[in-house]
Every structure is written in structure tokens, then in C-alpha cells.
């Protein structure tokens, strides 16, 4: 035992004489301990979801050309800022309103977030603080715009993307989210989306589809009726991004339990991991059959497809069902990428196929594979979200196109967005030589 330093003697006397009575008067209860643990887990989950934005950054930059890397990095840094700030000003109030003014469709809880005194309790659950709830949900809001970033990469003007992201995340995403998570009309119908296969991923995927349609394909992608692949510049970085996303997804789904209940959180971890693994198997088998070799880009998207698919029902489907959801998501994502290419819809990273196609599948799978939910109700939710998200994004992109402009010039696209939009290069003075024997 170390001797107490003399300067700590008053503290030592307090401990020996008076501190036991203070401890007795303020001894925490079991409920206090549970509250603390639940709140701490929600914050840890928030850290994990925050890390997913690094995963998106690595994945997107790895699957695109090196001349656009700085542009990708800037967009992804901007998205997290836009998501947090807009959610603080208006998004959280729209998503979790005090009451719905329009039949479970639109509600409002006022500008900004609560005061410090009000932040001691959660917005809609006494198991954690209001502040923990806010910051966890803010990470989800930013994710919806990140999905769009990958699909429109390598040809969208930076100011156009920033304007779209700010408006879509501030207004469209939280209003749609309120329909189920905020106790709106779809929640009343019995629609279920545990962690956001539709509310986050499909809502982002519909916006990505609208952006791709209005932007058109990249220069050189479709020539004389042929599909010409534009290869990403860094597959190792893309795979690192996939693993970061998978790692963060344990917080995305595990945090959505909204408590640190050991059984529920552990179960969600298992279904999440099983679905991702099955997605890899499904994509590997499919791409091997279709292309006669395993395509790494398809396989890493297979893992993400499984994760998106399981997100709607990670807490209500069994382990076998999660494997079925994952393996079919892995199959679907491959055929979706092929179909979109044949339709001349240029998505450099496969974001639409991963988040929209597999988000729809995962949401419907809840009704198909869980006895507690009806597939018809799930379909109503899918169609309702799809109609409003797609049309809102289409109108917003069209308005931006008609005003500030949506796409960079062909010369700037060929030159690369790093120099054209940012006047810098991610790989300054770095030469890549392709040596073929």
C-alpha cells in the first residue's frame, strides 16, 4: 500500500470520518445502475455507427478512380457535419414529435433540442438520456446521405451534393422516419423496421436512384451499346471499408435494442453477423456462376447486402432466417447491379443495389419469416416510403439542376473532381504504372 501524500491528508480524513455517511446517503439503486449501463451501451453503439462513416469513405474512395478521391473524402466529411447539425436544429423534432398534426404523417416538437435540465430523460424511453438518444439517432440521419454519395460519385458538382444532402437530411428523412419510429401512421398499422432497412437504407437508396437518373452515366461508361467497366483504384481500401462497416453495424443494430439487455443485444449481434456472412456466400456463388470467377467487388457488396437485409428484423427473426435473408440478399445484389447496368443506370459503388434492393428485401422478409408481422403491411410501408422518398429526391435534384446545376462539365469529369472541384490531389506526385508481362 502506498502512503498518502501529505497534501491529500484532508481528503483522507474525510474518507475515514465523514465519507461513509455520504456514501450511505447517496448509494445508487439497482435502477440507477441499469440506467447507467443502458445509457453507456447506447453511447458505445453511437461510436460504432460514427465509425461506419469512415467505412463508407474507404469503400467509396476505393471503388472509384484515384482522380476523384479528395472529392470523395470531402463529401463524406461534410455529410457527418450536415447530419448532426440539421438533426440538432430540426430533424430530431420532426422525427420524434410531441404530437402529429396531420394524421400520423407530420408532427413537430419545436426548433432545436432540449435544455440541459430536460436532457436527463429520454425522448421516448426512460432507459437512457435524451442526449444519448439524440446523438445515436443523429448518426443514422447522416447515413441516409452517405448512401447517395456513392451512387452519384465522380460527376456531381460539390455544391449540388451539399445542398441536396442538407435539405434531404433535414426535412425528408426525419419526416419519413417519424411514420414508424416516431409513432406515426405506419407504426399504428403494425409496420416494423427494427434498425432501418427501409427507414435509413431504402430512403437513402431511393434518393440515390433519383440522383443517378437525373445525372446520367459517367463519360465512357456506356459506349456504342457496350458496358465498359470503370475500375476502382484501390481494392484493399474498399475491403477495409467493408470490414469497418461490418464492425460498425454491430452498433447500428445492437444499439437499436435501446438497452444493454444481454440476451437481446447478444441475439442481434448473432443475426447481424450470420446475415453478413451468408451475404458473402450468396454473392460469391452467384458471381462465380454468372461471371465464371468470384468478383471481389460483388462479394464485398454481398456482405453489405446481408447487413442491410437483416437490419429490419434482426431482433425478431431466428438465426436460420437471418442466414436465409443474408444469402438471398447476396444473390439479389449481384443481379441488381447487372440489371441497373443494362438499364444504363450508372452507380459506381453499387449503392442502389445494396441499400435499396436489399433494404426492400429485408423489410419484406420480416413479414415472410416472422410470425408476428404481416407481409402485406410491410409492403405498404415499402411502397409508402418509396413513393415519397423517390419523388422528394427527384424534385429536389431537378430544382438543383435547374438553378445551380447538377453535373460537372465533361472536361472537368475527365480531368478529375479533385482538381476541378478542390484544386488539389489526393495522391499528389504519385504515379501508378501498370506493368503487363
Protein backbone atom coordinates (compact mmCIF):
# COMPACT_ATOMS: atom_id res chain seq x y z
CA UNK A 1 0.00 0.00 0.00
CA UNK A 2 1.28 3.44 -0.96
CA UNK A 3 1.47 6.12 1.80
CA UNK A 4 -0.88 9.09 1.35
CA UNK A 5 0.84 12.29 0.28
CA UNK A 6 0.54 14.99 2.94
CA UNK A 7 -1.43 17.23 0.57
CA UNK A 8 -4.12 14.59 0.44
CA UNK A 9 -4.46 14.35 4.24
CA UNK A 10 -7.73 16.36 4.43
CA UNK A 11 -9.21 14.08 1.78
CA UNK A 12 -8.03 11.04 3.70
CA UNK A 13 -9.62 12.32 6.92
CA UNK A 14 -12.88 12.98 5.06
CA UNK A 15 -12.83 9.44 3.77
CA UNK A 16 -12.16 7.95 7.22
CA UNK A 17 -14.59 10.12 9.16
CA UNK A 18 -17.30 11.58 7.01
CA UNK A 19 -17.34 9.87 3.63
CA UNK A 20 -19.12 6.64 4.69
CA UNK A 21 -22.19 8.62 5.72
CA UNK A 22 -22.17 10.48 2.40
CA UNK A 23 -21.95 7.19 0.53
CA UNK A 24 -24.83 5.78 2.54
CA UNK A 25 -26.96 8.83 1.78
CA UNK A 26 -26.25 8.66 -1.96
CA UNK A 27 -25.89 4.95 -2.52
CA UNK A 28 -27.09 4.19 -6.05
CA UNK A 29 -30.02 1.88 -6.53
CA UNK A 30 -30.22 -1.08 -8.89
CA UNK A 31 -32.38 1.03 -11.18
CA UNK A 32 -29.66 3.70 -11.30
CA UNK A 33 -27.07 1.09 -12.25
CA UNK A 34 -29.27 -0.32 -15.02
CA UNK A 35 -29.94 3.19 -16.34
CA UNK A 36 -26.20 3.91 -16.42
CA UNK A 37 -25.35 0.67 -18.22
CA UNK A 38 -28.13 1.15 -20.79
CA UNK A 39 -27.05 4.71 -21.46
CA UNK A 40 -23.40 3.74 -21.73
CA UNK A 41 -24.17 0.98 -24.26
CA UNK A 42 -26.17 3.43 -26.39
CA UNK A 43 -23.20 5.79 -26.44
CA UNK A 44 -20.80 2.96 -27.33
CA UNK A 45 -23.17 2.00 -30.15
CA UNK A 46 -23.09 5.63 -31.26
CA UNK A 47 -19.30 5.47 -31.51
CA UNK A 48 -19.62 2.36 -33.67
CA UNK A 49 -22.15 3.96 -36.02
CA UNK A 50 -19.92 7.03 -36.24
CA UNK A 51 -17.08 4.72 -37.32
CA UNK A 52 -19.27 3.45 -40.15
CA UNK A 53 -18.77 6.81 -41.85
CA UNK A 54 -15.07 6.01 -42.10
CA UNK A 55 -16.10 2.69 -43.61
CA UNK A 56 -18.28 4.40 -46.21
CA UNK A 57 -15.40 6.77 -47.00
CA UNK A 58 -12.93 3.92 -47.55
CA UNK A 59 -15.38 1.83 -49.56
CA UNK A 60 -16.47 4.67 -51.82
CA UNK A 61 -12.98 6.02 -52.48
CA UNK A 62 -11.57 2.52 -53.07
CA UNK A 63 -14.23 1.66 -55.66
CA UNK A 64 -13.81 4.90 -57.62
CA UNK A 65 -10.97 6.42 -59.63
CA UNK A 66 -7.96 7.93 -57.89
CA UNK A 67 -8.55 11.32 -59.56
CA UNK A 68 -11.76 11.71 -57.54
CA UNK A 69 -10.50 10.61 -54.12
CA UNK A 70 -10.21 14.04 -52.48
CA UNK A 71 -13.75 14.78 -53.63
CA UNK A 72 -14.99 11.56 -52.01
CA UNK A 73 -13.19 12.39 -48.77
CA UNK A 74 -14.64 15.89 -48.67
CA UNK A 75 -18.21 14.71 -49.29
CA UNK A 76 -18.07 12.13 -46.52
CA UNK A 77 -16.62 14.57 -44.00
CA UNK A 78 -19.31 17.09 -44.95
CA UNK A 79 -22.11 14.54 -44.58
CA UNK A 80 -21.43 13.81 -40.92
CA UNK A 81 -21.42 17.54 -40.18
CA UNK A 82 -24.64 18.11 -42.12
CA UNK A 83 -26.32 15.15 -40.43
CA UNK A 84 -25.50 16.22 -36.88
CA UNK A 85 -26.29 19.91 -37.34
CA UNK A 86 -29.55 19.55 -39.25
CA UNK A 87 -30.72 16.88 -36.82
CA UNK A 88 -29.97 19.20 -33.92
CA UNK A 89 -31.82 22.15 -35.45
CA UNK A 90 -34.89 20.46 -36.87
CA UNK A 91 -34.53 16.75 -37.67
CA UNK A 92 -34.94 15.31 -34.17
CA UNK A 93 -38.09 17.36 -33.58
CA UNK A 94 -39.61 16.23 -36.87
CA UNK A 95 -38.75 12.58 -36.30
CA UNK A 96 -39.97 12.38 -32.71
CA UNK A 97 -42.74 14.98 -32.48
CA UNK A 98 -44.77 15.76 -29.39
CA UNK A 99 -47.87 15.11 -31.44
CA UNK A 100 -48.86 14.56 -35.07
CA UNK A 101 -50.73 17.45 -36.62
CA UNK A 102 -51.54 15.59 -39.85
CA UNK A 103 -52.92 12.08 -39.27
CA UNK A 104 -49.68 10.45 -38.22
CA UNK A 105 -47.84 11.91 -41.21
CA UNK A 106 -46.32 15.17 -39.99
CA UNK A 107 -45.53 16.31 -36.47
CA UNK A 108 -43.34 18.84 -34.73
CA UNK A 109 -41.67 19.32 -31.34
CA UNK A 110 -40.11 22.74 -31.85
CA UNK A 111 -36.80 24.13 -33.07
CA UNK A 112 -33.60 22.67 -31.63
CA UNK A 113 -33.01 20.14 -28.89
CA UNK A 114 -33.99 20.28 -25.23
CA UNK A 115 -32.31 22.24 -22.42
CA UNK A 116 -29.82 20.63 -20.05
CA UNK A 117 -32.47 20.09 -17.41
CA UNK A 118 -34.77 18.36 -19.87
CA UNK A 119 -31.96 16.20 -21.18
CA UNK A 120 -31.89 13.95 -18.13
CA UNK A 121 -34.63 11.72 -19.53
CA UNK A 122 -35.00 10.18 -22.97
CA UNK A 123 -37.26 11.49 -25.68
CA UNK A 124 -39.41 8.39 -25.74
CA UNK A 125 -37.85 5.84 -23.40
CA UNK A 126 -36.87 6.21 -19.73
CA UNK A 127 -33.97 3.77 -20.16
CA UNK A 128 -31.42 6.35 -21.32
CA UNK A 129 -30.89 10.09 -21.51
CA UNK A 130 -32.38 12.42 -24.08
CA UNK A 131 -28.84 13.35 -25.14
CA UNK A 132 -27.77 9.76 -25.77
CA UNK A 133 -30.91 9.21 -27.80
CA UNK A 134 -30.30 12.34 -29.87
CA UNK A 135 -26.67 11.63 -30.77
CA UNK A 136 -27.38 7.98 -31.60
CA UNK A 137 -30.20 8.95 -33.95
CA UNK A 138 -28.14 11.75 -35.49
CA UNK A 139 -25.63 9.19 -36.76
CA UNK A 140 -28.45 7.41 -38.60
CA UNK A 141 -29.57 10.65 -40.24
CA UNK A 142 -26.13 11.23 -41.73
CA UNK A 143 -26.07 7.68 -43.11
CA UNK A 144 -29.01 8.35 -45.44
CA UNK A 145 -26.99 10.99 -47.32
CA UNK A 146 -23.83 8.85 -47.37
CA UNK A 147 -25.69 6.25 -49.42
CA UNK A 148 -26.43 8.88 -52.07
CA UNK A 149 -22.80 9.98 -52.18
CA UNK A 150 -21.52 6.70 -53.57
CA UNK A 151 -24.18 6.37 -56.26
CA UNK A 152 -23.63 9.85 -57.71
CA UNK A 153 -19.84 9.80 -57.35
CA UNK A 154 -17.39 11.05 -59.99
CA UNK A 155 -19.70 13.51 -61.78
CA UNK A 156 -21.85 15.54 -59.37
CA UNK A 157 -20.98 19.15 -58.53
CA UNK A 158 -19.93 19.51 -54.91
CA UNK A 159 -22.28 22.42 -54.16
CA UNK A 160 -25.20 20.48 -55.68
CA UNK A 161 -24.48 17.49 -53.46
CA UNK A 162 -24.17 19.60 -50.32
CA UNK A 163 -27.45 21.42 -50.97
CA UNK A 164 -29.25 18.16 -51.65
CA UNK A 165 -27.84 16.47 -48.55
CA UNK A 166 -28.75 19.35 -46.26
CA UNK A 167 -32.37 19.58 -47.41
CA UNK A 168 -32.97 15.83 -47.70
CA UNK A 169 -31.50 15.01 -44.28
CA UNK A 170 -33.10 18.00 -42.56
CA UNK A 171 -36.63 17.53 -43.90
CA UNK A 172 -37.34 14.35 -45.87
CA UNK A 173 -35.52 11.72 -43.81
CA UNK A 174 -36.89 12.73 -40.37
CA UNK A 175 -40.48 13.12 -41.59
CA UNK A 176 -40.36 9.66 -43.14
CA UNK A 177 -38.69 8.26 -40.04
CA UNK A 178 -41.49 9.60 -37.86
CA UNK A 179 -44.01 7.40 -39.65
CA UNK A 180 -42.74 4.36 -37.77
CA UNK A 181 -40.05 5.24 -35.23
CA UNK A 182 -41.87 8.39 -34.14
CA UNK A 183 -45.21 6.63 -33.65
CA UNK A 184 -46.81 7.73 -36.92
CA UNK A 185 -49.33 6.10 -39.24
CA UNK A 186 -47.17 3.13 -40.25
CA UNK A 187 -46.40 2.31 -36.64
CA UNK A 188 -50.14 2.31 -35.96
CA UNK A 189 -50.63 -0.13 -38.86
CA UNK A 190 -48.10 -2.57 -37.44
CA UNK A 191 -45.28 -1.92 -39.91
CA UNK A 192 -41.92 -2.96 -38.45
CA UNK A 193 -38.40 -1.83 -39.26
CA UNK A 194 -36.11 -2.55 -36.34
CA UNK A 195 -32.99 -0.56 -37.30
CA UNK A 196 -33.71 0.89 -40.72
CA UNK A 197 -33.62 -1.43 -43.74
CA UNK A 198 -36.26 0.89 -45.17
CA UNK A 199 -36.22 3.97 -42.94
CA UNK A 200 -32.47 4.55 -43.39
CA UNK A 201 -31.20 2.38 -46.24
CA UNK A 202 -34.10 2.38 -48.69
CA UNK A 203 -34.80 6.06 -48.05
CA UNK A 204 -31.17 6.73 -48.99
CA UNK A 205 -31.38 4.24 -51.86
CA UNK A 206 -34.46 5.88 -53.42
CA UNK A 207 -32.69 9.23 -53.34
CA UNK A 208 -29.62 7.66 -54.91
CA UNK A 209 -31.75 6.25 -57.72
CA UNK A 210 -33.31 9.65 -58.40
CA UNK A 211 -29.86 11.27 -58.50
CA UNK A 212 -28.44 8.67 -60.88
CA UNK A 213 -31.39 9.08 -63.27
CA UNK A 214 -31.05 12.87 -63.47
CA UNK A 215 -27.24 12.90 -63.57
CA UNK A 216 -26.79 10.30 -66.27
CA UNK A 217 -23.83 7.91 -66.56
CA UNK A 218 -20.16 8.80 -66.32
CA UNK A 219 -18.29 9.63 -69.50
CA UNK A 220 -17.13 6.41 -71.18
CA UNK A 221 -19.32 4.06 -69.15
CA UNK A 222 -21.72 3.11 -71.95
CA UNK A 223 -20.30 3.37 -75.47
CA UNK A 224 -21.88 2.04 -78.68
CA UNK A 225 -24.26 -0.17 -76.74
CA UNK A 226 -21.47 -1.70 -74.67
CA UNK A 227 -20.98 -1.56 -70.90
CA UNK A 228 -17.41 -0.55 -70.16
CA UNK A 229 -16.26 -1.07 -66.58
CA UNK A 230 -14.60 1.91 -64.89
CA UNK A 231 -12.44 0.23 -62.30
CA UNK A 232 -11.84 1.45 -58.78
CA UNK A 233 -8.29 2.36 -57.89
CA UNK A 234 -7.82 0.64 -54.51
CA UNK A 235 -9.46 -2.71 -53.74
CA UNK A 236 -7.65 -3.15 -50.39
CA UNK A 237 -9.09 0.19 -49.23
CA UNK A 238 -12.56 -0.89 -50.36
CA UNK A 239 -12.31 -4.15 -48.40
CA UNK A 240 -11.11 -2.25 -45.32
CA UNK A 241 -14.22 -0.10 -45.74
CA UNK A 242 -16.42 -3.18 -45.83
CA UNK A 243 -14.95 -4.53 -42.60
CA UNK A 244 -15.28 -1.16 -40.88
CA UNK A 245 -18.93 -1.06 -41.91
CA UNK A 246 -19.50 -4.60 -40.66
CA UNK A 247 -17.84 -3.73 -37.37
CA UNK A 248 -19.89 -0.56 -37.01
CA UNK A 249 -23.08 -2.43 -37.87
CA UNK A 250 -22.93 -4.19 -34.51
CA UNK A 251 -23.61 -0.74 -33.04
CA UNK A 252 -26.14 0.12 -35.75
CA UNK A 253 -28.26 -2.95 -34.97
CA UNK A 254 -27.12 -3.68 -31.42
CA UNK A 255 -27.73 -0.12 -30.32
CA UNK A 256 -31.22 -0.24 -31.78
CA UNK A 257 -32.20 -2.61 -28.98
CA UNK A 258 -32.21 0.66 -26.98
CA UNK A 259 -30.96 -1.09 -23.88
CA UNK A 260 -27.98 -3.16 -22.75
CA UNK A 261 -30.17 -6.23 -22.20
CA UNK A 262 -27.59 -9.04 -22.52
CA UNK A 263 -29.90 -11.52 -24.20
CA UNK A 264 -31.36 -9.15 -26.79
CA UNK A 265 -28.09 -7.45 -27.68
CA UNK A 266 -26.26 -10.76 -28.00
CA UNK A 267 -29.01 -12.20 -30.18
CA UNK A 268 -28.94 -9.18 -32.50
CA UNK A 269 -25.15 -9.49 -32.77
CA UNK A 270 -25.56 -13.11 -33.89
CA UNK A 271 -28.26 -12.47 -36.50
CA UNK A 272 -26.28 -9.49 -37.83
CA UNK A 273 -23.06 -11.49 -38.19
CA UNK A 274 -24.80 -14.53 -39.69
CA UNK A 275 -26.60 -12.44 -42.31
CA UNK A 276 -23.37 -10.69 -43.37
CA UNK A 277 -21.52 -13.99 -43.65
CA UNK A 278 -24.39 -15.52 -45.62
CA UNK A 279 -24.38 -12.47 -47.89
CA UNK A 280 -20.77 -13.17 -48.77
CA UNK A 281 -21.61 -16.80 -49.59
CA UNK A 282 -24.62 -15.81 -51.70
CA UNK A 283 -22.70 -13.19 -53.67
CA UNK A 284 -19.68 -15.46 -54.14
CA UNK A 285 -21.76 -18.31 -55.51
CA UNK A 286 -23.77 -16.03 -57.79
CA UNK A 287 -20.87 -14.09 -59.25
CA UNK A 288 -18.90 -17.33 -59.73
CA UNK A 289 -21.84 -18.80 -61.63
CA UNK A 290 -22.57 -15.67 -63.70
CA UNK A 291 -19.05 -14.38 -64.36
CA UNK A 292 -17.19 -17.70 -64.02
CA UNK A 293 -14.99 -16.24 -61.30
CA UNK A 294 -15.51 -14.66 -57.86
CA UNK A 295 -15.66 -10.87 -58.24
CA UNK A 296 -14.28 -9.20 -55.09
CA UNK A 297 -16.34 -6.04 -55.53
CA UNK A 298 -19.52 -8.10 -55.78
CA UNK A 299 -18.53 -10.18 -52.77
CA UNK A 300 -17.85 -7.20 -50.51
CA UNK A 301 -21.18 -5.75 -51.57
CA UNK A 302 -22.67 -9.15 -50.73
CA UNK A 303 -21.59 -8.70 -47.12
CA UNK A 304 -23.16 -5.24 -47.01
CA UNK A 305 -26.29 -6.57 -48.72
CA UNK A 306 -26.68 -9.15 -45.95
CA UNK A 307 -26.26 -6.44 -43.33
CA UNK A 308 -28.84 -4.17 -44.95
CA UNK A 309 -31.22 -7.10 -45.34
CA UNK A 310 -31.12 -8.18 -41.69
CA UNK A 311 -31.41 -4.66 -40.30
CA UNK A 312 -35.22 -4.59 -40.47
CA UNK A 313 -35.73 -7.76 -38.45
CA UNK A 314 -32.51 -8.51 -36.58
CA UNK A 315 -34.39 -8.82 -33.28
CA UNK A 316 -37.44 -10.78 -34.47
CA UNK A 317 -36.19 -13.42 -36.92
CA UNK A 318 -34.29 -16.56 -35.96
CA UNK A 319 -30.72 -17.43 -36.76
CA UNK A 320 -31.69 -19.70 -39.65
CA UNK A 321 -33.96 -16.97 -41.01
CA UNK A 322 -31.12 -14.46 -40.78
CA UNK A 323 -28.96 -16.80 -42.88
CA UNK A 324 -31.75 -17.04 -45.47
CA UNK A 325 -32.12 -13.25 -45.54
CA UNK A 326 -28.36 -12.82 -45.94
CA UNK A 327 -27.77 -15.40 -48.65
CA UNK A 328 -30.71 -14.15 -50.75
CA UNK A 329 -29.51 -10.58 -50.29
CA UNK A 330 -26.12 -11.69 -51.61
CA UNK A 331 -27.78 -13.19 -54.67
CA UNK A 332 -30.05 -10.18 -55.22
CA UNK A 333 -27.28 -7.62 -55.05
CA UNK A 334 -25.37 -9.26 -57.91
CA UNK A 335 -28.37 -9.42 -60.22
CA UNK A 336 -29.42 -5.91 -59.22
CA UNK A 337 -26.03 -4.50 -60.22
CA UNK A 338 -26.24 -6.32 -63.56
CA UNK A 339 -29.81 -5.12 -64.18
CA UNK A 340 -29.03 -1.47 -63.37
CA UNK A 341 -26.04 -1.58 -65.72
CA UNK A 342 -28.23 -2.93 -68.52
CA UNK A 343 -30.69 -0.11 -67.82
CA UNK A 344 -27.79 2.37 -68.22
CA UNK A 345 -28.09 3.49 -64.58
CA UNK A 346 -24.50 4.14 -63.56
CA UNK A 347 -23.84 3.51 -59.86
CA UNK A 348 -20.05 3.37 -59.31
CA UNK A 349 -20.18 1.56 -55.96
CA UNK A 350 -23.40 -0.46 -56.17
CA UNK A 351 -25.11 1.66 -53.50
CA UNK A 352 -28.58 1.37 -55.04
CA UNK A 353 -28.35 -2.40 -55.25
CA UNK A 354 -27.04 -2.75 -51.69
CA UNK A 355 -29.24 -0.25 -49.89
CA UNK A 356 -32.42 -0.02 -51.97
CA UNK A 357 -32.82 -3.52 -53.42
CA UNK A 358 -31.72 -5.32 -50.29
CA UNK A 359 -33.43 -2.83 -48.00
CA UNK A 360 -36.73 -3.69 -49.69
CA UNK A 361 -35.97 -7.40 -49.45
CA UNK A 362 -35.07 -7.21 -45.76
CA UNK A 363 -38.22 -5.27 -44.91
CA UNK A 364 -40.47 -7.75 -46.71
CA UNK A 365 -38.57 -10.66 -45.16
CA UNK A 366 -39.79 -9.56 -41.71
CA UNK A 367 -43.34 -10.34 -42.83
CA UNK A 368 -42.30 -13.55 -44.55
CA UNK A 369 -40.09 -15.03 -41.83
CA UNK A 370 -41.50 -13.66 -38.57
CA UNK A 371 -44.93 -14.86 -37.41
CA UNK A 372 -45.62 -11.58 -35.63
CA UNK A 373 -45.78 -9.37 -38.71
CA UNK A 374 -47.76 -9.36 -41.97
CA UNK A 375 -46.04 -9.15 -45.33
CA UNK A 376 -48.91 -7.02 -46.66
CA UNK A 377 -48.30 -4.36 -44.02
CA UNK A 378 -44.57 -4.46 -44.72
CA UNK A 379 -45.31 -3.97 -48.43
CA UNK A 380 -47.47 -0.92 -47.66
CA UNK A 381 -44.53 0.57 -45.78
CA UNK A 382 -42.10 -0.17 -48.60
CA UNK A 383 -44.39 1.44 -51.19
CA UNK A 384 -45.21 4.43 -49.00
CA UNK A 385 -41.60 5.19 -48.23
CA UNK A 386 -40.57 4.56 -51.82
CA UNK A 387 -43.11 6.91 -53.35
CA UNK A 388 -42.37 9.85 -51.07
CA UNK A 389 -38.59 9.38 -50.85
CA UNK A 390 -38.13 8.96 -54.61
CA UNK A 391 -40.42 11.80 -55.63
CA UNK A 392 -38.97 14.15 -53.00
CA UNK A 393 -35.42 13.42 -54.13
CA UNK A 394 -36.37 13.70 -57.80
CA UNK A 395 -37.96 17.12 -57.28
CA UNK A 396 -35.05 18.32 -55.18
CA UNK A 397 -32.41 17.15 -57.66
CA UNK A 398 -34.42 18.66 -60.54
CA UNK A 399 -34.64 22.01 -58.74
CA UNK A 400 -30.90 21.99 -58.10
CA UNK A 401 -30.24 21.08 -61.74
CA UNK A 402 -32.38 23.98 -62.92
CA UNK A 403 -30.68 26.52 -60.63
CA UNK A 404 -27.09 25.93 -59.54
CA UNK A 405 -26.51 22.99 -61.87
CA UNK A 406 -26.11 19.31 -61.04
CA UNK A 407 -23.22 17.91 -63.07
CA UNK A 408 -19.66 19.00 -63.74
CA UNK A 409 -18.55 19.64 -67.31
CA UNK A 410 -17.21 16.78 -69.40
CA UNK A 411 -13.74 18.34 -69.35
CA UNK A 412 -13.80 18.54 -65.54
CA UNK A 413 -15.02 14.97 -65.28
CA UNK A 414 -12.18 13.72 -67.46
CA UNK A 415 -9.70 15.82 -65.53
CA UNK A 416 -10.99 14.55 -62.21
CA UNK A 417 -13.03 16.21 -59.48
CA UNK A 418 -10.05 16.54 -57.16
CA UNK A 419 -8.51 19.23 -59.34
CA UNK A 420 -11.72 20.56 -60.88
CA UNK A 421 -13.66 20.97 -57.62
CA UNK A 422 -10.96 21.21 -54.93
CA UNK A 423 -7.77 22.29 -56.71
CA UNK A 424 -5.81 19.51 -55.05
CA UNK A 425 -4.97 15.85 -55.48
CA UNK A 426 -5.33 13.01 -53.00
CA UNK A 427 -2.19 11.39 -54.42
CA UNK A 428 0.00 14.35 -55.30
CA UNK A 429 3.06 13.47 -57.42
CA UNK A 430 2.17 9.78 -57.21
CA UNK A 431 2.46 7.74 -60.39
CA UNK A 432 0.76 4.38 -60.98
CA UNK A 433 2.40 2.17 -63.58
CA UNK A 434 0.59 -0.86 -64.97
CA UNK A 435 3.23 -3.38 -65.99
CA UNK A 436 2.00 -6.33 -68.01
CA UNK A 437 4.11 -9.28 -68.89
